[in-house]
Amino acid sequence: MEKILVATDGSETANKALGYALQLAEALKADITVISVAQEVPMAMSHEGITNADIARFKDNMLENMKKSAQEALNRAEKLFQQKGVAVNTRLEVGDPARVITDVAEKESFDQVIIGSRGLGGIRGMVLGSVSNKVVNSVKTNVTVIR
């Protein structure tokens, strides 16, 4: 039985990756874990008129919004698997998405990682960079990148 980690951020390619993982789970009776990572956004130190407390509140609000978005993506993934009667584990993590996905895949001995080729894009995409590229070049297990 394979142990597969699927990354999602709610994007179109992440949804395609979930569909692919669902097909594998059905065919191989694989254990599936869907992960979504809320990234903490680095913030500059205070400037005139903006206090450290203001920056801390803004950073906390951003993180809460990222967690909410990640949880919503996990909820949609869980619903997809449940509709097909396939058991799935979900987990929400906080940190650098590529690093967290790589660490989880290796520390928990996943046989395969499935990830979409591009995330949500826009400003979020600029902040995150190419998560799939970083995962492919960092993780020691098999990676399937879905376009």
Protein backbone atom coordinates (compact mmCIF):
# COMPACT_ATOMS: atom_id res chain seq x y z
CA MET A 1 0.00 0.00 0.00
CA GLU A 2 1.32 3.42 -0.91
CA LYS A 3 1.37 6.40 1.39
CA ILE A 4 0.72 9.57 -0.65
CA LEU A 5 0.96 13.22 0.36
CA VAL A 6 -1.04 15.68 -1.75
CA ALA A 7 -0.46 19.42 -1.43
CA THR A 8 -3.31 21.86 -2.01
CA ASP A 9 -3.73 25.61 -1.92
CA GLY A 10 -7.15 25.61 -3.56
CA SER A 11 -5.79 26.51 -7.00
CA GLU A 12 -6.89 24.92 -10.27
CA THR A 13 -3.76 22.79 -10.59
CA ALA A 14 -4.01 21.76 -6.93
CA ASN A 15 -7.56 20.59 -7.65
CA LYS A 16 -6.25 18.58 -10.60
CA ALA A 17 -3.63 17.05 -8.30
CA LEU A 18 -6.41 16.07 -5.88
CA GLY A 19 -8.31 14.40 -8.72
CA TYR A 20 -5.20 12.46 -9.73
CA ALA A 21 -4.59 11.41 -6.11
CA LEU A 22 -8.19 10.27 -5.84
CA GLN A 23 -7.74 8.03 -8.88
CA LEU A 24 -4.58 6.54 -7.35
CA ALA A 25 -6.27 6.03 -4.00
CA GLU A 26 -9.10 4.14 -5.66
CA ALA A 27 -6.81 2.01 -7.82
CA LEU A 28 -4.04 1.30 -5.29
CA LYS A 29 -5.97 1.49 -2.02
CA ALA A 30 -3.33 4.05 -1.01
CA ASP A 31 -3.35 6.06 2.19
CA ILE A 32 -3.88 9.69 1.25
CA THR A 33 -2.99 12.75 3.30
CA VAL A 34 -3.88 16.17 1.95
CA ILE A 35 -1.77 19.03 3.30
CA SER A 36 -2.25 22.77 3.03
CA VAL A 37 0.34 25.19 4.37
CA ALA A 38 -0.46 28.69 5.58
CA GLN A 39 2.61 30.80 5.00
CA GLU A 40 3.63 33.45 7.47
CA VAL A 41 4.30 36.66 5.59
CA PRO A 42 7.57 38.35 6.57
CA MET A 43 7.12 41.95 7.65
CA ALA A 44 9.51 44.87 7.86
CA MET A 45 10.18 46.65 11.10
CA SER A 46 8.17 49.74 11.98
CA HIS A 47 8.45 53.01 10.15
CA GLU A 48 7.52 56.47 11.32
CA GLY A 49 3.84 56.50 12.23
CA ILE A 50 3.55 52.69 12.25
CA THR A 51 4.28 50.93 15.51
CA ASN A 52 5.60 47.42 16.03
CA ALA A 53 2.20 46.61 17.57
CA ASP A 54 0.47 47.73 14.34
CA ILE A 55 2.77 45.51 12.31
CA ALA A 56 2.23 42.57 14.68
CA ARG A 57 -1.57 42.94 14.38
CA PHE A 58 -1.35 43.12 10.60
CA LYS A 59 0.91 40.06 10.50
CA ASP A 60 -1.46 38.13 12.80
CA ASN A 61 -4.44 39.08 10.62
CA MET A 62 -2.60 37.96 7.47
CA LEU A 63 -1.71 34.62 9.08
CA GLU A 64 -5.29 34.05 10.22
CA ASN A 65 -6.50 34.76 6.68
CA MET A 66 -3.91 32.35 5.26
CA LYS A 67 -5.01 29.66 7.76
CA LYS A 68 -8.65 30.21 6.85
CA SER A 69 -7.88 29.88 3.14
CA ALA A 70 -5.81 26.74 3.75
CA GLN A 71 -8.57 25.19 5.85
CA GLU A 72 -11.15 25.95 3.17
CA ALA A 73 -8.96 24.16 0.59
CA LEU A 74 -8.69 21.17 2.94
CA ASN A 75 -12.45 21.12 3.49
CA ARG A 76 -13.06 21.03 -0.27
CA ALA A 77 -10.50 18.23 -0.68
CA GLU A 78 -12.03 16.19 2.13
CA LYS A 79 -15.49 16.57 0.59
CA LEU A 80 -14.19 15.39 -2.80
CA PHE A 81 -12.74 12.21 -1.30
CA GLN A 82 -15.76 11.56 0.91
CA GLN A 83 -18.11 11.82 -2.08
CA LYS A 84 -16.21 8.89 -3.63
CA GLY A 85 -16.10 6.94 -0.36
CA VAL A 86 -12.32 7.22 -0.10
CA ALA A 87 -10.72 7.76 3.31
CA VAL A 88 -8.47 10.81 3.52
CA ASN A 89 -6.46 12.54 6.21
CA THR A 90 -6.09 16.32 6.15
CA ARG A 91 -3.62 18.55 7.89
CA LEU A 92 -3.07 22.26 8.16
CA GLU A 93 0.48 23.45 8.76
CA VAL A 94 2.10 26.86 9.10
CA GLY A 95 5.44 27.82 7.60
CA ASP A 96 7.25 27.90 4.28
CA PRO A 97 5.10 25.66 2.04
CA ALA A 98 7.96 23.94 0.18
CA ARG A 99 9.95 23.32 3.35
CA VAL A 100 6.93 22.03 5.29
CA ILE A 101 5.80 19.71 2.46
CA THR A 102 9.35 18.36 2.10
CA ASP A 103 9.79 17.87 5.86
CA VAL A 104 6.44 16.11 6.27
CA ALA A 105 7.07 13.86 3.25
CA GLU A 106 10.45 12.76 4.56
CA LYS A 107 9.80 12.57 8.30
CA GLU A 108 6.60 10.59 7.82
CA SER A 109 7.99 8.32 5.07
CA PHE A 110 5.53 9.13 2.30
CA ASP A 111 6.10 7.08 -0.85
CA GLN A 112 4.96 9.86 -3.15
CA VAL A 113 4.16 13.58 -3.19
CA ILE A 114 1.59 14.96 -5.62
CA ILE A 115 1.53 18.70 -6.23
CA GLY A 116 0.13 21.12 -8.79
CA SER A 117 2.61 22.86 -11.08
CA ARG A 118 1.37 26.35 -10.25
CA GLY A 119 -0.37 27.79 -7.24
CA LEU A 120 -2.77 30.66 -6.86
CA GLY A 121 -0.52 33.19 -8.59
CA GLY A 122 -0.87 36.96 -8.35
CA ILE A 123 0.63 38.57 -5.28
CA ARG A 124 0.40 35.31 -3.36
CA GLY A 125 2.33 33.58 -6.15
CA MET A 126 5.08 36.20 -5.98
CA VAL A 127 5.35 35.71 -2.23
CA LEU A 128 5.42 31.93 -2.41
CA GLY A 129 7.63 31.50 -5.44
CA SER A 130 7.54 28.15 -7.18
CA VAL A 131 6.60 25.73 -4.41
CA SER A 132 6.40 22.77 -6.77
CA ASN A 133 9.89 23.48 -8.13
CA LYS A 134 11.34 23.71 -4.62
CA VAL A 135 9.63 20.48 -3.57
CA VAL A 136 10.86 18.60 -6.65
CA ASN A 137 14.41 19.72 -5.97
CA SER A 138 14.33 19.13 -2.21
CA VAL A 139 12.35 16.01 -1.40
CA LYS A 140 14.00 12.61 -1.61
CA THR A 141 10.84 10.67 -2.48
CA ASN A 142 8.96 10.45 -5.78
CA VAL A 143 7.11 13.59 -6.83
CA THR A 144 4.35 13.87 -9.40
CA VAL A 145 3.71 17.38 -10.67
CA ILE A 146 0.31 17.92 -12.21
CA ARG A 147 -0.22 20.57 -14.90
